[in-house]
Amino acid sequence: MLELKEIQKFYNPGTVNEMCLFDHFNLKVEKGDFISVVGSNGSGKTSMLNIICGSIAAESGQILMGGRDITRDKEYKRNVKIGRVYQNPAMGTCPSMTILENMSLADNKGKFYGFSRGTNKSRINYYKEQLRQLNLGLEERMDTKVGVLSGGQRQAMALLMSTMTPIEFLILDEHTAALDPKTAEMIMELTDKIVEEKELTTIMVTHNLRYAIEYGNRLLMLHQGETILDKKGKEKEEMCVEDVLKLFNEISIECGN
C-alpha cells in the first residue's frame, strides 16, 4: 500500500509568487490498484508523482510505502521499488548506448556494479525474450544505438526496462502523450499486459480521457491540488468519457475559461 498523508507543497515560497498547490492532501493507494489520474494543467498531477518518487520534496506530511515512512528517503532509494515511465521517450533510455547496453543497465538497477563488466553476455538471450514480446523486431537489433529508434520503440523499451527488476509500483507520467495514435494504442495494450502479469500497483497520469476510462480499476480527477473525483470498481466501470468531459467543462466555467 502507498499512502500520502497531510501533504503540503508550496512553489516559490516566501516570494510574491508563492503558491500553495497541496494543502493537507491525502491519498491512499491499495495494493493492486491501477489508478488513472486526470485533471487540467496545473492541477497537481505530475507534482503528486514527483512527491511520491522523491523528485521533489513536500513542505510537510508523510509518505508511507508498505507501512514504512519513506518521506526522507532519497529518490534513488525509492526507485528500487518504483518503476517510472515519462512523457518524453528520451528520458527512459540512454540514446548513446545500444539496446543491449540499455537492457543491461535496467537489469542491474539497484545492484552494486563493482569492477564487473556492465554488460552480462549470459543474459542476452533473456533480453531478447523480453524484447520479443514487443513485436517490434528489436531483439534482432541488440547492437543498434537506441538514439536511432523511433519514439514508440523507445517508449516500449522504457516501459519494459522500468519493470525488469522486481518493483512494487509503476508510475506512468503521460507516457503516451508524445506518440502517434497507433503507437499510443500499442503502448497502452503493452502497459495493461505488463501491469496484469506482474501484478503491479500502478498510477497513470493521462490527458486521454478514453484511456482513463478504459484502463485501470480506479479514476481520480485532480483540480487545484484537490481530489474532486474518485471512482473505483463498478462505479468507475459505469462512467463514460462524456461524464468526465462534463466535469472538465464545469471546472473550466468556474475558473472563467
Protein backbone atom coordinates (compact mmCIF):
# COMPACT_ATOMS: atom_id res chain seq x y z
CA MET A 1 0.00 0.00 0.00
CA LEU A 2 1.06 3.58 -0.71
CA GLU A 3 -0.23 6.49 1.31
CA LEU A 4 0.17 10.26 1.18
CA LYS A 5 -0.82 11.88 4.46
CA GLU A 6 -1.42 15.58 5.05
CA ILE A 7 0.91 16.63 2.21
CA GLN A 8 1.65 20.33 1.87
CA LYS A 9 3.51 21.66 -1.16
CA PHE A 10 4.35 25.30 -1.93
CA TYR A 11 6.01 26.73 -5.01
CA ASN A 12 8.09 29.93 -4.80
CA PRO A 13 7.73 30.12 -1.00
CA GLY A 14 8.46 33.48 0.60
CA THR A 15 8.00 35.40 -2.67
CA VAL A 16 5.15 37.40 -4.18
CA ASN A 17 4.60 34.40 -6.47
CA GLU A 18 4.11 31.94 -3.63
CA MET A 19 1.52 29.31 -4.48
CA CYS A 20 0.15 26.52 -2.33
CA LEU A 21 -0.55 23.50 -4.54
CA PHE A 22 -1.31 20.83 -1.94
CA ASP A 23 -2.88 21.81 1.37
CA HIS A 24 -3.13 18.72 3.60
CA PHE A 25 -3.57 16.43 0.60
CA ASN A 26 -4.33 12.76 1.30
CA LEU A 27 -4.32 9.71 -0.95
CA LYS A 28 -4.41 6.00 -0.18
CA VAL A 29 -3.40 3.55 -2.92
CA GLU A 30 -4.30 -0.06 -2.20
CA LYS A 31 -2.13 -2.94 -3.36
CA GLY A 32 -3.11 -3.92 -6.90
CA ASP A 33 -4.80 -0.62 -7.73
CA PHE A 34 -4.41 0.67 -11.29
CA ILE A 35 -5.31 4.33 -10.93
CA SER A 36 -5.89 6.67 -13.87
CA VAL A 37 -5.36 10.31 -12.92
CA VAL A 38 -6.80 13.17 -14.96
CA GLY A 39 -7.00 16.90 -14.44
CA SER A 40 -6.31 20.22 -16.11
CA ASN A 41 -2.81 21.68 -16.42
CA GLY A 42 -1.55 22.82 -13.03
CA SER A 43 -3.94 20.60 -11.09
CA GLY A 44 -1.07 18.78 -9.35
CA LYS A 45 -0.89 15.51 -11.29
CA THR A 46 2.82 15.45 -12.08
CA SER A 47 3.72 17.15 -8.79
CA MET A 48 1.97 14.30 -6.97
CA LEU A 49 4.04 11.75 -8.91
CA ASN A 50 7.24 13.70 -8.22
CA ILE A 51 6.48 13.76 -4.48
CA ILE A 52 5.83 10.00 -4.48
CA CYS A 53 9.06 9.28 -6.37
CA GLY A 54 11.13 11.76 -4.35
CA SER A 55 11.94 14.03 -7.31
CA ILE A 56 10.64 16.97 -5.28
CA ALA A 57 10.08 17.32 -1.55
CA ALA A 58 6.89 18.35 0.22
CA GLU A 59 7.00 21.03 2.90
CA SER A 60 5.22 18.73 5.35
CA GLY A 61 3.30 15.48 5.55
CA GLN A 62 4.16 11.80 5.29
CA ILE A 63 4.68 9.30 2.51
CA LEU A 64 4.18 5.68 3.55
CA MET A 65 5.11 2.72 1.38
CA GLY A 66 4.08 -0.67 2.72
CA GLY A 67 3.53 0.99 6.08
CA ARG A 68 7.09 2.35 6.20
CA ASP A 69 7.75 6.09 6.29
CA ILE A 70 9.84 6.96 3.20
CA THR A 71 9.31 10.74 3.41
CA ARG A 72 13.03 11.41 3.85
CA ASP A 73 14.32 8.63 1.59
CA LYS A 74 16.29 9.81 -1.42
CA GLU A 75 14.88 9.29 -4.91
CA TYR A 76 17.37 6.55 -5.82
CA LYS A 77 16.36 4.54 -2.75
CA ARG A 78 12.66 4.78 -3.60
CA ASN A 79 13.42 3.73 -7.18
CA VAL A 80 14.35 0.25 -6.00
CA LYS A 81 10.62 -0.41 -5.58
CA ILE A 82 9.30 2.12 -8.11
CA GLY A 83 9.47 1.99 -11.90
CA ARG A 84 8.71 5.21 -13.79
CA VAL A 85 8.00 5.98 -17.44
CA TYR A 86 7.98 9.62 -18.55
CA GLN A 87 6.14 11.53 -21.27
CA ASN A 88 9.36 12.08 -23.23
CA PRO A 89 10.60 8.74 -24.68
CA ALA A 90 14.17 10.07 -24.47
CA MET A 91 14.04 10.13 -20.65
CA GLY A 92 13.60 6.39 -20.16
CA THR A 93 16.54 5.21 -22.24
CA CYS A 94 20.15 6.23 -22.95
CA PRO A 95 20.40 7.23 -26.65
CA SER A 96 24.17 6.87 -26.93
CA MET A 97 24.09 3.25 -25.73
CA THR A 98 22.98 0.16 -27.63
CA ILE A 99 19.79 -1.78 -26.98
CA LEU A 100 21.88 -4.45 -25.26
CA GLU A 101 23.61 -1.90 -23.04
CA ASN A 102 20.28 -0.28 -22.11
CA MET A 103 18.75 -3.64 -21.21
CA SER A 104 21.81 -4.50 -19.11
CA LEU A 105 21.60 -1.17 -17.33
CA ALA A 106 17.94 -1.78 -16.45
CA ASP A 107 18.70 -5.35 -15.40
CA ASN A 108 21.23 -4.08 -12.88
CA LYS A 109 19.02 -1.42 -11.32
CA GLY A 110 19.70 -1.19 -7.59
CA LYS A 111 22.65 -3.58 -7.76
CA PHE A 112 26.28 -2.89 -6.96
CA TYR A 113 28.41 -2.94 -10.09
CA GLY A 114 31.89 -3.03 -8.53
CA PHE A 115 34.51 -3.77 -11.19
CA SER A 116 32.44 -6.28 -13.13
CA ARG A 117 31.51 -5.78 -16.77
CA GLY A 118 28.49 -3.58 -17.37
CA THR A 119 27.06 -6.00 -19.95
CA ASN A 120 26.44 -9.58 -18.88
CA LYS A 121 26.52 -11.58 -22.12
CA SER A 122 25.00 -14.60 -20.40
CA ARG A 123 21.76 -12.59 -20.14
CA ILE A 124 21.50 -11.72 -23.85
CA ASN A 125 19.01 -14.49 -24.61
CA TYR A 126 16.85 -13.32 -21.70
CA TYR A 127 16.91 -9.75 -23.02
CA LYS A 128 15.91 -10.98 -26.46
CA GLU A 129 12.98 -12.89 -24.96
CA GLN A 130 11.83 -9.76 -23.18
CA LEU A 131 12.11 -7.63 -26.32
CA ARG A 132 10.35 -10.22 -28.47
CA GLN A 133 7.06 -9.60 -26.65
CA LEU A 134 7.06 -6.05 -28.04
CA ASN A 135 6.71 -7.40 -31.61
CA LEU A 136 8.97 -4.62 -32.88
CA GLY A 137 11.90 -6.74 -34.04
CA LEU A 138 14.24 -5.10 -31.51
CA GLU A 139 15.56 -8.48 -30.38
CA GLU A 140 17.39 -8.68 -33.72
CA ARG A 141 18.99 -5.24 -33.29
CA MET A 142 20.84 -5.62 -30.00
CA ASP A 143 23.87 -3.61 -31.20
CA THR A 144 21.76 -0.69 -32.51
CA LYS A 145 22.10 2.64 -30.71
CA VAL A 146 18.80 3.46 -29.02
CA GLY A 147 19.04 7.07 -30.25
CA VAL A 148 18.16 5.98 -33.81
CA LEU A 149 14.94 4.22 -32.78
CA SER A 150 11.50 5.81 -33.17
CA GLY A 151 9.75 7.41 -30.22
CA GLY A 152 7.35 4.49 -29.95
CA GLN A 153 10.15 1.93 -29.98
CA ARG A 154 12.00 3.84 -27.27
CA GLN A 155 8.87 4.21 -25.14
CA ALA A 156 8.15 0.49 -25.44
CA MET A 157 11.71 -0.20 -24.32
CA ALA A 158 11.40 2.29 -21.46
CA LEU A 159 8.24 0.55 -20.23
CA LEU A 160 9.91 -2.84 -20.46
CA MET A 161 13.10 -1.64 -18.76
CA SER A 162 11.23 0.05 -15.90
CA THR A 163 9.65 -3.29 -14.95
CA MET A 164 12.59 -5.67 -15.47
CA THR A 165 13.61 -5.74 -11.82
CA PRO A 166 11.15 -6.74 -9.05
CA ILE A 167 9.29 -3.49 -8.35
CA GLU A 168 6.04 -2.91 -6.47
CA PHE A 169 4.84 0.35 -8.02
CA LEU A 170 4.69 1.58 -11.60
CA ILE A 171 4.42 5.34 -12.21
CA LEU A 172 3.31 6.45 -15.69
CA ASP A 173 3.57 10.18 -16.37
CA GLU A 174 1.59 10.80 -19.58
CA HIS A 175 3.64 8.04 -21.20
CA THR A 176 1.59 8.03 -24.43
CA ALA A 177 1.24 11.81 -24.88
CA ALA A 178 4.18 12.20 -27.29
CA LEU A 179 3.21 9.25 -29.51
CA ASP A 180 1.05 8.97 -32.61
CA PRO A 181 -2.39 7.36 -32.07
CA LYS A 182 -1.46 3.91 -33.42
CA THR A 183 1.72 3.70 -31.34
CA ALA A 184 -0.08 5.03 -28.26
CA GLU A 185 -2.62 2.20 -28.56
CA MET A 186 0.21 -0.34 -28.74
CA ILE A 187 1.90 1.13 -25.67
CA MET A 188 -1.36 1.09 -23.69
CA GLU A 189 -2.02 -2.55 -24.59
CA LEU A 190 1.53 -3.41 -23.54
CA THR A 191 1.09 -1.43 -20.32
CA ASP A 192 -2.08 -3.31 -19.41
CA LYS A 193 -0.40 -6.65 -20.17
CA ILE A 194 2.66 -5.89 -18.02
CA VAL A 195 0.62 -4.50 -15.11
CA GLU A 196 -1.60 -7.58 -15.07
CA GLU A 197 1.17 -10.16 -15.50
CA LYS A 198 3.45 -8.61 -12.87
CA GLU A 199 0.59 -7.57 -10.55
CA LEU A 200 1.92 -4.04 -10.25
CA THR A 201 0.24 -1.27 -8.29
CA THR A 202 0.07 1.49 -10.89
CA ILE A 203 -0.62 5.23 -11.08
CA MET A 204 -1.09 6.59 -14.60
CA VAL A 205 -1.44 10.30 -15.32
CA THR A 206 -3.09 10.88 -18.69
CA HIS A 207 -4.88 13.55 -20.71
CA ASN A 208 -6.55 10.86 -22.80
CA LEU A 209 -9.99 10.50 -21.24
CA ARG A 210 -10.72 7.28 -23.13
CA TYR A 211 -7.62 5.63 -21.69
CA ALA A 212 -8.61 6.89 -18.24
CA ILE A 213 -12.00 5.23 -18.60
CA GLU A 214 -10.89 2.02 -20.30
CA TYR A 215 -7.84 1.17 -18.22
CA GLY A 216 -7.47 0.57 -14.51
CA ASN A 217 -9.87 -0.04 -11.66
CA ARG A 218 -9.91 3.48 -10.22
CA LEU A 219 -10.25 7.01 -11.63
CA LEU A 220 -9.10 10.20 -9.94
CA MET A 221 -9.55 13.78 -11.06
CA LEU A 222 -7.42 16.50 -9.50
CA HIS A 223 -8.19 20.21 -9.54
CA GLN A 224 -6.05 22.88 -7.88
CA GLY A 225 -4.38 20.29 -5.68
CA GLU A 226 -7.58 18.61 -4.52
CA THR A 227 -9.27 15.32 -5.43
CA ILE A 228 -12.67 16.23 -6.89
CA LEU A 229 -13.49 12.80 -8.30
CA ASP A 230 -12.58 9.33 -7.02
CA LYS A 231 -14.41 6.40 -8.59
CA LYS A 232 -13.44 2.75 -8.11
CA GLY A 233 -14.65 -0.65 -9.22
CA LYS A 234 -18.21 -0.76 -10.52
CA GLU A 235 -18.66 2.99 -10.10
CA LYS A 236 -15.76 3.57 -12.48
CA GLU A 237 -16.99 0.90 -14.90
CA GLU A 238 -20.31 2.72 -15.20
CA MET A 239 -18.63 6.02 -16.14
CA CYS A 240 -18.11 7.16 -19.72
CA VAL A 241 -15.91 9.78 -21.38
CA GLU A 242 -18.84 12.21 -21.54
CA ASP A 243 -19.20 12.11 -17.73
CA VAL A 244 -15.57 13.13 -17.21
CA LEU A 245 -15.70 15.72 -20.00
CA LYS A 246 -18.78 17.30 -18.43
CA LEU A 247 -16.92 17.72 -15.13
CA PHE A 248 -13.96 19.23 -17.00
CA ASN A 249 -16.27 21.75 -18.64
CA GLU A 250 -17.87 22.67 -15.30
CA ILE A 251 -14.43 23.31 -13.81
CA SER A 252 -13.45 25.38 -16.82
CA ILE A 253 -16.50 27.61 -16.42
CA GLU A 254 -15.84 28.07 -12.68
CA CYS A 255 -12.27 29.13 -13.47
CA GLY A 256 -13.51 31.67 -16.01
CA ASN A 257 -12.18 29.84 -19.08
